Amino acid sequence: MNIVKTQENQSLTLQLEGRLDTTTAPALEQELKDSLNGTHLVLDMEQLAYLSSAGLRVILAAQKQMNKQGQMVVRHVNDTIMEVFNLTGFSDILTIE
C-alpha cells in the first residue's frame, strides 16, 4: 500500500493506494499516530483496491480519535470498499462522501 500525505493547517488528507490488509495496516496506523494532530482528517480511498478487517480496525481507531478532536471524512469510496463498509456497519459510523 502507498500512502500520500497532504497537510494543510489543521487538515490532514491521506490518499490510500493498493491494499489495506494485515501486512499494510500497521503502516497506516503509524502514519496516523505520527501525523494526526489537527481537527480534520480525510481518508481518500479512490485508489484503494482491498480492505481487510485489520484495515477496518485502524479506520475505527482513527474515527474514535477524531470524535475527540475534530472530524473525519472518508472520500471517493469505490463499490468494493463500500460493500465492505455496508456489510460491517461501518457505513453507519463513518462520514462518507
PDB file of N, CA and C in Angstrom:
ATOM      1  N   MET A   1       0.840  -1.176   0.000  1.00  0.00           N
ATOM      2  CA  MET A   1       0.000   0.000   0.000  1.00  0.00           C
ATOM      3  C   MET A   1       0.884   1.237   0.000  1.00  0.00           C
ATOM      4  N   ASN A   2       0.419   2.249  -0.666  1.00  0.00           N
ATOM      5  CA  ASN A   2       1.102   3.540  -0.687  1.00  0.00           C
ATOM      6  C   ASN A   2       0.200   4.569  -0.014  1.00  0.00           C
ATOM      7  N   ILE A   3       0.792   5.424   0.806  1.00  0.00           N
ATOM      8  CA  ILE A   3       0.051   6.488   1.485  1.00  0.00           C
ATOM      9  C   ILE A   3       0.629   7.824   1.032  1.00  0.00           C
ATOM     10  N   VAL A   4      -0.228   8.674   0.443  1.00  0.00           N
ATOM     11  CA  VAL A   4       0.186  10.010   0.039  1.00  0.00           C
ATOM     12  C   VAL A   4      -0.421  10.985   1.042  1.00  0.00           C
ATOM     13  N   LYS A   5       0.448  11.708   1.750  1.00  0.00           N
ATOM     14  CA  LYS A   5       0.012  12.598   2.834  1.00  0.00           C
ATOM     15  C   LYS A   5       0.039  14.046   2.375  1.00  0.00           C
ATOM     16  N   THR A   6      -1.048  14.775   2.675  1.00  0.00           N
ATOM     17  CA  THR A   6      -1.126  16.203   2.417  1.00  0.00           C
ATOM     18  C   THR A   6      -1.595  16.879   3.696  1.00  0.00           C
ATOM     19  N   GLN A   7      -0.784  17.793   4.220  1.00  0.00           N
ATOM     20  CA  GLN A   7      -1.117  18.504   5.456  1.00  0.00           C
ATOM     21  C   GLN A   7      -1.311  19.974   5.129  1.00  0.00           C
ATOM     22  N   GLU A   8      -2.471  20.516   5.498  1.00  0.00           N
ATOM     23  CA  GLU A   8      -2.738  21.946   5.334  1.00  0.00           C
ATOM     24  C   GLU A   8      -3.376  22.458   6.619  1.00  0.00           C
ATOM     25  N   ASN A   9      -2.649  23.279   7.338  1.00  0.00           N
ATOM     26  CA  ASN A   9      -3.114  23.823   8.612  1.00  0.00           C
ATOM     27  C   ASN A   9      -3.581  22.694   9.527  1.00  0.00           C
ATOM     28  N   GLN A  10      -4.856  22.689   9.893  1.00  0.00           N
ATOM     29  CA  GLN A  10      -5.397  21.676  10.804  1.00  0.00           C
ATOM     30  C   GLN A  10      -6.012  20.485  10.073  1.00  0.00           C
ATOM     31  N   SER A  11      -5.808  20.403   8.748  1.00  0.00           N
ATOM     32  CA  SER A  11      -6.402  19.338   7.953  1.00  0.00           C
ATOM     33  C   SER A  11      -5.330  18.387   7.412  1.00  0.00           C
ATOM     34  N   LEU A  12      -5.557  17.095   7.605  1.00  0.00           N
ATOM     35  CA  LEU A  12      -4.663  16.061   7.099  1.00  0.00           C
ATOM     36  C   LEU A  12      -5.441  15.186   6.126  1.00  0.00           C
ATOM     37  N   THR A  13      -4.912  15.027   4.920  1.00  0.00           N
ATOM     38  CA  THR A  13      -5.508  14.124   3.935  1.00  0.00           C
ATOM     39  C   THR A  13      -4.533  12.995   3.662  1.00  0.00           C
ATOM     40  N   LEU A  14      -5.039  11.761   3.758  1.00  0.00           N
ATOM     41  CA  LEU A  14      -4.245  10.586   3.437  1.00  0.00           C
ATOM     42  C   LEU A  14      -4.904   9.872   2.264  1.00  0.00           C
ATOM     43  N   GLN A  15      -4.191   9.813   1.154  1.00  0.00           N
ATOM     44  CA  GLN A  15      -4.670   9.069  -0.011  1.00  0.00           C
ATOM     45  C   GLN A  15      -4.124   7.653   0.103  1.00  0.00           C
ATOM     46  N   LEU A  16      -5.022   6.683   0.127  1.00  0.00           N
ATOM     47  CA  LEU A  16      -4.632   5.286   0.290  1.00  0.00           C
ATOM     48  C   LEU A  16      -4.675   4.596  -1.064  1.00  0.00           C
ATOM     49  N   GLU A  17      -3.576   3.932  -1.420  1.00  0.00           N
ATOM     50  CA  GLU A  17      -3.481   3.275  -2.719  1.00  0.00           C
ATOM     51  C   GLU A  17      -3.079   1.819  -2.517  1.00  0.00           C
ATOM     52  N   GLY A  18      -3.798   0.910  -3.149  1.00  0.00           N
ATOM     53  CA  GLY A  18      -3.444  -0.510  -3.075  1.00  0.00           C
ATOM     54  C   GLY A  18      -4.329  -1.279  -2.125  1.00  0.00           C
ATOM     55  N   ARG A  19      -3.694  -2.087  -1.259  1.00  0.00           N
ATOM     56  CA  ARG A  19      -4.412  -2.970  -0.346  1.00  0.00           C
ATOM     57  C   ARG A  19      -4.164  -2.554   1.107  1.00  0.00           C
ATOM     58  N   LEU A  20      -5.246  -2.406   1.855  1.00  0.00           N
ATOM     59  CA  LEU A  20      -5.148  -2.137   3.293  1.00  0.00           C
ATOM     60  C   LEU A  20      -5.516  -3.435   3.995  1.00  0.00           C
ATOM     61  N   ASP A  21      -4.490  -4.190   4.380  1.00  0.00           N
ATOM     62  CA  ASP A  21      -4.699  -5.514   4.953  1.00  0.00           C
ATOM     63  C   ASP A  21      -3.778  -5.714   6.163  1.00  0.00           C
ATOM     64  N   THR A  22      -3.654  -6.947   6.606  1.00  0.00           N
ATOM     65  CA  THR A  22      -2.849  -7.267   7.788  1.00  0.00           C
ATOM     66  C   THR A  22      -1.399  -6.805   7.639  1.00  0.00           C
ATOM     67  N   THR A  23      -0.882  -6.891   6.431  1.00  0.00           N
ATOM     68  CA  THR A  23       0.506  -6.519   6.179  1.00  0.00           C
ATOM     69  C   THR A  23       0.708  -5.005   6.186  1.00  0.00           C
ATOM     70  N   THR A  24      -0.256  -4.264   5.642  1.00  0.00           N
ATOM     71  CA  THR A  24      -0.074  -2.822   5.450  1.00  0.00           C
ATOM     72  C   THR A  24      -0.766  -1.955   6.502  1.00  0.00           C
ATOM     73  N   ALA A  25      -1.700  -2.517   7.253  1.00  0.00           N
ATOM     74  CA  ALA A  25      -2.425  -1.734   8.267  1.00  0.00           C
ATOM     75  C   ALA A  25      -1.494  -1.088   9.295  1.00  0.00           C
ATOM     76  N   PRO A  26      -0.432  -1.765   9.746  1.00  0.00           N
ATOM     77  CA  PRO A  26       0.471  -1.111  10.704  1.00  0.00           C
ATOM     78  C   PRO A  26       1.114   0.175  10.161  1.00  0.00           C
ATOM     79  N   ALA A  27       1.356   0.243   8.857  1.00  0.00           N
ATOM     80  CA  ALA A  27       1.935   1.459   8.273  1.00  0.00           C
ATOM     81  C   ALA A  27       0.954   2.617   8.358  1.00  0.00           C
ATOM     82  N   LEU A  28      -0.329   2.350   8.093  1.00  0.00           N
ATOM     83  CA  LEU A  28      -1.344   3.404   8.219  1.00  0.00           C
ATOM     84  C   LEU A  28      -1.514   3.804   9.677  1.00  0.00           C
ATOM     85  N   GLU A  29      -1.508   2.824  10.556  1.00  0.00           N
ATOM     86  CA  GLU A  29      -1.637   3.100  11.987  1.00  0.00           C
ATOM     87  C   GLU A  29      -0.502   4.004  12.469  1.00  0.00           C
ATOM     88  N   GLN A  30       0.717   3.721  12.036  1.00  0.00           N
ATOM     89  CA  GLN A  30       1.870   4.536  12.415  1.00  0.00           C
ATOM     90  C   GLN A  30       1.780   5.936  11.829  1.00  0.00           C
ATOM     91  N   GLU A  31       1.358   6.038  10.573  1.00  0.00           N
ATOM     92  CA  GLU A  31       1.204   7.353   9.929  1.00  0.00           C
ATOM     93  C   GLU A  31       0.183   8.197  10.673  1.00  0.00           C
ATOM     94  N   LEU A  32      -0.920   7.595  11.076  1.00  0.00           N
ATOM     95  CA  LEU A  32      -1.938   8.323  11.834  1.00  0.00           C
ATOM     96  C   LEU A  32      -1.397   8.747  13.193  1.00  0.00           C
ATOM     97  N   LYS A  33      -0.673   7.865  13.835  1.00  0.00           N
ATOM     98  CA  LYS A  33      -0.090   8.173  15.149  1.00  0.00           C
ATOM     99  C   LYS A  33       0.880   9.354  15.048  1.00  0.00           C
ATOM    100  N   ASP A  34       1.677   9.367  13.986  1.00  0.00           N
ATOM    101  CA  ASP A  34       2.686  10.411  13.801  1.00  0.00           C
ATOM    102  C   ASP A  34       2.101  11.738  13.332  1.00  0.00           C
ATOM    103  N   SER A  35       1.021  11.708  12.559  1.00  0.00           N
ATOM    104  CA  SER A  35       0.555  12.907  11.856  1.00  0.00           C
ATOM    105  C   SER A  35      -0.770  13.463  12.344  1.00  0.00           C
ATOM    106  N   LEU A  36      -1.513  12.720  13.130  1.00  0.00           N
ATOM    107  CA  LEU A  36      -2.877  13.116  13.482  1.00  0.00           C
ATOM    108  C   LEU A  36      -2.887  14.082  14.658  1.00  0.00           C
ATOM    109  N   ASN A  37      -2.734  15.385  14.339  1.00  0.00           N
ATOM    110  CA  ASN A  37      -2.737  16.392  15.394  1.00  0.00           C
ATOM    111  C   ASN A  37      -3.656  17.562  15.079  1.00  0.00           C
ATOM    112  N   GLY A  38      -4.379  17.486  13.984  1.00  0.00           N
ATOM    113  CA  GLY A  38      -5.282  18.565  13.604  1.00  0.00           C
ATOM    114  C   GLY A  38      -6.716  18.239  13.967  1.00  0.00           C
ATOM    115  N   THR A  39      -7.621  19.025  13.401  1.00  0.00           N
ATOM    116  CA  THR A  39      -9.041  18.860  13.701  1.00  0.00           C
ATOM    117  C   THR A  39      -9.827  18.244  12.550  1.00  0.00           C
ATOM    118  N   HIS A  40      -9.166  17.968  11.433  1.00  0.00           N
ATOM    119  CA  HIS A  40      -9.872  17.428  10.266  1.00  0.00           C
ATOM    120  C   HIS A  40      -9.006  16.366   9.589  1.00  0.00           C
ATOM    121  N   LEU A  41      -9.569  15.172   9.424  1.00  0.00           N
ATOM    122  CA  LEU A  41      -8.879  14.073   8.753  1.00  0.00           C
ATOM    123  C   LEU A  41      -9.713  13.611   7.572  1.00  0.00           C
ATOM    124  N   VAL A  42      -9.073  13.488   6.413  1.00  0.00           N
ATOM    125  CA  VAL A  42      -9.720  12.958   5.216  1.00  0.00           C
ATOM    126  C   VAL A  42      -8.971  11.703   4.792  1.00  0.00           C
ATOM    127  N   LEU A  43      -9.696  10.603   4.660  1.00  0.00           N
ATOM    128  CA  LEU A  43      -9.134   9.385   4.090  1.00  0.00           C
ATOM    129  C   LEU A  43      -9.682   9.257   2.675  1.00  0.00           C
ATOM    130  N   ASP A  44      -8.822   9.407   1.698  1.00  0.00           N
ATOM    131  CA  ASP A  44      -9.209   9.321   0.289  1.00  0.00           C
ATOM    132  C   ASP A  44      -8.948   7.899  -0.186  1.00  0.00           C
ATOM    133  N   MET A  45     -10.012   7.189  -0.538  1.00  0.00           N
ATOM    134  CA  MET A  45      -9.896   5.775  -0.883  1.00  0.00           C
ATOM    135  C   MET A  45     -10.100   5.494  -2.369  1.00  0.00           C
ATOM    136  N   GLU A  46      -9.924   6.511  -3.185  1.00  0.00           N
ATOM    137  CA  GLU A  46     -10.159   6.344  -4.621  1.00  0.00           C
ATOM    138  C   GLU A  46      -9.301   5.232  -5.230  1.00  0.00           C
ATOM    139  N   GLN A  47      -8.067   5.092  -4.761  1.00  0.00           N
ATOM    140  CA  GLN A  47      -7.139   4.097  -5.315  1.00  0.00           C
ATOM    141  C   GLN A  47      -6.989   2.858  -4.415  1.00  0.00           C
ATOM    142  N   LEU A  48      -7.884   2.727  -3.428  1.00  0.00           N
ATOM    143  CA  LEU A  48      -7.813   1.571  -2.528  1.00  0.00           C
ATOM    144  C   LEU A  48      -8.546   0.394  -3.179  1.00  0.00           C
ATOM    145  N   ALA A  49      -7.845  -0.732  -3.349  1.00  0.00           N
ATOM    146  CA  ALA A  49      -8.412  -1.882  -4.051  1.00  0.00           C
ATOM    147  C   ALA A  49      -8.988  -2.935  -3.110  1.00  0.00           C
ATOM    148  N   TYR A  50      -8.487  -2.989  -1.869  1.00  0.00           N
ATOM    149  CA  TYR A  50      -8.891  -4.055  -0.950  1.00  0.00           C
ATOM    150  C   TYR A  50      -8.817  -3.550   0.478  1.00  0.00           C
ATOM    151  N   LEU A  51      -9.769  -3.986   1.309  1.00  0.00           N
ATOM    152  CA  LEU A  51      -9.814  -3.585   2.713  1.00  0.00           C
ATOM    153  C   LEU A  51     -10.140  -4.806   3.563  1.00  0.00           C
ATOM    154  N   SER A  52      -9.245  -5.142   4.493  1.00  0.00           N
ATOM    155  CA  SER A  52      -9.460  -6.299   5.377  1.00  0.00           C
ATOM    156  C   SER A  52      -9.917  -5.829   6.757  1.00  0.00           C
ATOM    157  N   SER A  53     -10.153  -6.805   7.630  1.00  0.00           N
ATOM    158  CA  SER A  53     -10.571  -6.473   8.996  1.00  0.00           C
ATOM    159  C   SER A  53      -9.481  -5.716   9.743  1.00  0.00           C
ATOM    160  N   ALA A  54      -8.223  -5.969   9.422  1.00  0.00           N
ATOM    161  CA  ALA A  54      -7.124  -5.222  10.050  1.00  0.00           C
ATOM    162  C   ALA A  54      -7.190  -3.752   9.647  1.00  0.00           C
ATOM    163  N   GLY A  55      -7.515  -3.495   8.403  1.00  0.00           N
ATOM    164  CA  GLY A  55      -7.689  -2.120   7.929  1.00  0.00           C
ATOM    165  C   GLY A  55      -8.885  -1.453   8.585  1.00  0.00           C
ATOM    166  N   LEU A  56      -9.967  -2.199   8.735  1.00  0.00           N
ATOM    167  CA  LEU A  56     -11.159  -1.661   9.402  1.00  0.00           C
ATOM    168  C   LEU A  56     -10.840  -1.251  10.840  1.00  0.00           C
ATOM    169  N   ARG A  57     -10.021  -2.052  11.513  1.00  0.00           N
ATOM    170  CA  ARG A  57      -9.645  -1.737  12.898  1.00  0.00           C
ATOM    171  C   ARG A  57      -8.912  -0.404  12.981  1.00  0.00           C
ATOM    172  N   VAL A  58      -7.996  -0.152  12.039  1.00  0.00           N
ATOM    173  CA  VAL A  58      -7.242   1.102  12.031  1.00  0.00           C
ATOM    174  C   VAL A  58      -8.175   2.275  11.722  1.00  0.00           C
ATOM    175  N   ILE A  59      -9.091   2.086  10.787  1.00  0.00           N
ATOM    176  CA  ILE A  59     -10.048   3.143  10.429  1.00  0.00           C
ATOM    177  C   ILE A  59     -10.950   3.455  11.624  1.00  0.00           C
ATOM    178  N   LEU A  60     -11.403   2.427  12.333  1.00  0.00           N
ATOM    179  CA  LEU A  60     -12.246   2.635  13.512  1.00  0.00           C
ATOM    180  C   LEU A  60     -11.492   3.385  14.604  1.00  0.00           C
ATOM    181  N   ALA A  61     -10.229   3.038  14.811  1.00  0.00           N
ATOM    182  CA  ALA A  61      -9.417   3.733  15.818  1.00  0.00           C
ATOM    183  C   ALA A  61      -9.241   5.202  15.437  1.00  0.00           C
ATOM    184  N   ALA A  62      -9.046   5.473  14.154  1.00  0.00           N
ATOM    185  CA  ALA A  62      -8.912   6.860  13.694  1.00  0.00           C
ATOM    186  C   ALA A  62     -10.214   7.622  13.912  1.00  0.00           C
ATOM    187  N   GLN A  63     -11.348   6.971  13.634  1.00  0.00           N
ATOM    188  CA  GLN A  63     -12.647   7.618  13.841  1.00  0.00           C
ATOM    189  C   GLN A  63     -12.858   7.947  15.316  1.00  0.00           C
ATOM    190  N   LYS A  64     -12.516   7.027  16.193  1.00  0.00           N
ATOM    191  CA  LYS A  64     -12.655   7.274  17.633  1.00  0.00           C
ATOM    192  C   LYS A  64     -11.787   8.442  18.081  1.00  0.00           C
ATOM    193  N   GLN A  65     -10.565   8.504  17.582  1.00  0.00           N
ATOM    194  CA  GLN A  65      -9.667   9.602  17.923  1.00  0.00           C
ATOM    195  C   GLN A  65     -10.221  10.930  17.421  1.00  0.00           C
ATOM    196  N   MET A  66     -10.709  10.936  16.175  1.00  0.00           N
ATOM    197  CA  MET A  66     -11.217  12.190  15.600  1.00  0.00           C
ATOM    198  C   MET A  66     -12.530  12.618  16.243  1.00  0.00           C
ATOM    199  N   ASN A  67     -13.296  11.695  16.801  1.00  0.00           N
ATOM    200  CA  ASN A  67     -14.500  12.075  17.544  1.00  0.00           C
ATOM    201  C   ASN A  67     -14.136  12.959  18.736  1.00  0.00           C
ATOM    202  N   LYS A  68     -12.929  12.787  19.272  1.00  0.00           N
ATOM    203  CA  LYS A  68     -12.465  13.566  20.418  1.00  0.00           C
ATOM    204  C   LYS A  68     -11.884  14.920  20.007  1.00  0.00           C
ATOM    205  N   GLN A  69     -11.309  14.996  18.813  1.00  0.00           N
ATOM    206  CA  GLN A  69     -10.566  16.210  18.463  1.00  0.00           C
ATOM    207  C   GLN A  69     -11.028  16.908  17.195  1.00  0.00           C
ATOM    208  N   GLY A  70     -12.034  16.388  16.524  1.00  0.00           N
ATOM    209  CA  GLY A  70     -12.482  17.057  15.297  1.00  0.00           C
ATOM    210  C   GLY A  70     -13.396  16.193  14.470  1.00  0.00           C
ATOM    211  N   GLN A  71     -13.086  16.098  13.171  1.00  0.00           N
ATOM    212  CA  GLN A  71     -13.964  15.405  12.243  1.00  0.00           C
ATOM    213  C   GLN A  71     -13.138  14.557  11.275  1.00  0.00           C
ATOM    214  N   MET A  72     -13.686  13.390  10.919  1.00  0.00           N
ATOM    215  CA  MET A  72     -13.059  12.534   9.916  1.00  0.00           C
ATOM    216  C   MET A  72     -14.050  12.287   8.789  1.00  0.00           C
ATOM    217  N   VAL A  73     -13.551  12.361   7.551  1.00  0.00           N
ATOM    218  CA  VAL A  73     -14.365  12.132   6.368  1.00  0.00           C
ATOM    219  C   VAL A  73     -13.660  11.091   5.506  1.00  0.00           C
ATOM    220  N   VAL A  74     -14.435  10.166   4.961  1.00  0.00           N
ATOM    221  CA  VAL A  74     -13.917   9.179   4.022  1.00  0.00           C
ATOM    222  C   VAL A  74     -14.454   9.553   2.641  1.00  0.00           C
ATOM    223  N   ARG A  75     -13.545   9.698   1.678  1.00  0.00           N
ATOM    224  CA  ARG A  75     -13.943  10.162   0.342  1.00  0.00           C
ATOM    225  C   ARG A  75     -13.601   9.155  -0.739  1.00  0.00           C
ATOM    226  N   HIS A  76     -14.321   9.271  -1.854  1.00  0.00           N
ATOM    227  CA  HIS A  76     -14.051   8.519  -3.085  1.00  0.00           C
ATOM    228  C   HIS A  76     -14.011   7.013  -2.844  1.00  0.00           C
ATOM    229  N   VAL A  77     -15.010   6.496  -2.160  1.00  0.00           N
ATOM    230  CA  VAL A  77     -15.073   5.065  -1.854  1.00  0.00           C
ATOM    231  C   VAL A  77     -15.637   4.326  -3.064  1.00  0.00           C
ATOM    232  N   ASN A  78     -14.892   3.334  -3.558  1.00  0.00           N
ATOM    233  CA  ASN A  78     -15.385   2.568  -4.705  1.00  0.00           C
ATOM    234  C   ASN A  78     -16.407   1.524  -4.243  1.00  0.00           C
ATOM    235  N   ASP A  79     -17.039   0.854  -5.189  1.00  0.00           N
ATOM    236  CA  ASP A  79     -18.111  -0.090  -4.872  1.00  0.00           C
ATOM    237  C   ASP A  79     -17.644  -1.252  -3.992  1.00  0.00           C
ATOM    238  N   THR A  80     -16.453  -1.748  -4.242  1.00  0.00           N
ATOM    239  CA  THR A  80     -15.922  -2.880  -3.481  1.00  0.00           C
ATOM    240  C   THR A  80     -15.743  -2.513  -2.010  1.00  0.00           C
ATOM    241  N   ILE A  81     -15.128  -1.365  -1.754  1.00  0.00           N
ATOM    242  CA  ILE A  81     -14.900  -0.923  -0.374  1.00  0.00           C
ATOM    243  C   ILE A  81     -16.221  -0.539   0.287  1.00  0.00           C
ATOM    244  N   MET A  82     -17.129   0.062  -0.471  1.00  0.00           N
ATOM    245  CA  MET A  82     -18.435   0.439   0.077  1.00  0.00           C
ATOM    246  C   MET A  82     -19.214  -0.801   0.512  1.00  0.00           C
ATOM    247  N   GLU A  83     -19.079  -1.880  -0.236  1.00  0.00           N
ATOM    248  CA  GLU A  83     -19.744  -3.126   0.144  1.00  0.00           C
ATOM    249  C   GLU A  83     -19.220  -3.637   1.488  1.00  0.00           C
ATOM    250  N   VAL A  84     -17.910  -3.523   1.703  1.00  0.00           N
ATOM    251  CA  VAL A  84     -17.315  -3.908   2.993  1.00  0.00           C
ATOM    252  C   VAL A  84     -17.872  -3.022   4.101  1.00  0.00           C
ATOM    253  N   PHE A  85     -17.936  -1.716   3.860  1.00  0.00           N
ATOM    254  CA  PHE A  85     -18.480  -0.790   4.860  1.00  0.00           C
ATOM    255  C   PHE A  85     -19.944  -1.116   5.176  1.00  0.00           C
ATOM    256  N   ASN A  86     -20.738  -1.437   4.151  1.00  0.00           N
ATOM    257  CA  ASN A  86     -22.152  -1.758   4.364  1.00  0.00           C
ATOM    258  C   ASN A  86     -22.325  -3.059   5.141  1.00  0.00           C
ATOM    259  N   LEU A  87     -21.557  -4.076   4.779  1.00  0.00           N
ATOM    260  CA  LEU A  87     -21.677  -5.381   5.436  1.00  0.00           C
ATOM    261  C   LEU A  87     -21.234  -5.346   6.898  1.00  0.00           C
ATOM    262  N   THR A  88     -20.278  -4.486   7.214  1.00  0.00           N
ATOM    263  CA  THR A  88     -19.749  -4.425   8.580  1.00  0.00           C
ATOM    264  C   THR A  88     -20.434  -3.374   9.452  1.00  0.00           C
ATOM    265  N   GLY A  89     -21.286  -2.557   8.843  1.00  0.00           N
ATOM    266  CA  GLY A  89     -21.948  -1.496   9.596  1.00  0.00           C
ATOM    267  C   GLY A  89     -21.132  -0.219   9.687  1.00  0.00           C
ATOM    268  N   PHE A  90     -19.953  -0.199   9.079  1.00  0.00           N
ATOM    269  CA  PHE A  90     -19.112   0.991   9.114  1.00  0.00           C
ATOM    270  C   PHE A  90     -19.754   2.162   8.372  1.00  0.00           C
ATOM    271  N   SER A  91     -20.648   1.866   7.432  1.00  0.00           N
ATOM    272  CA  SER A  91     -21.308   2.945   6.703  1.00  0.00           C
ATOM    273  C   SER A  91     -22.198   3.773   7.632  1.00  0.00           C
ATOM    274  N   ASP A  92     -22.591   3.199   8.758  1.00  0.00           N
ATOM    275  CA  ASP A  92     -23.387   3.936   9.741  1.00  0.00           C
ATOM    276  C   ASP A  92     -22.524   4.742  10.692  1.00  0.00           C
ATOM    277  N   ILE A  93     -21.256   4.376  10.817  1.00  0.00           N
ATOM    278  CA  ILE A  93     -20.338   5.020  11.752  1.00  0.00           C
ATOM    279  C   ILE A  93     -19.564   6.155  11.099  1.00  0.00           C
ATOM    280  N   LEU A  94     -19.163   5.943   9.841  1.00  0.00           N
ATOM    281  CA  LEU A  94     -18.281   6.884   9.143  1.00  0.00           C
ATOM    282  C   LEU A  94     -19.057   7.937   8.381  1.00  0.00           C
ATOM    283  N   THR A  95     -18.430   9.098   8.187  1.00  0.00           N
ATOM    284  CA  THR A  95     -18.957  10.110   7.291  1.00  0.00           C
ATOM    285  C   THR A  95     -18.324   9.855   5.930  1.00  0.00           C
ATOM    286  N   ILE A  96     -19.145   9.390   4.973  1.00  0.00           N
ATOM    287  CA  ILE A  96     -18.650   9.013   3.658  1.00  0.00           C
ATOM    288  C   ILE A  96     -19.173   9.985   2.619  1.00  0.00           C
ATOM    289  N   GLU A  97     -18.245  10.547   1.855  1.00  0.00           N
ATOM    290  CA  GLU A  97     -18.634  11.496   0.802  1.00  0.00           C
ATOM    291  C   GLU A  97     -18.337  10.909  -0.557  1.00  0.00           C
TER     292      GLU A  97
END
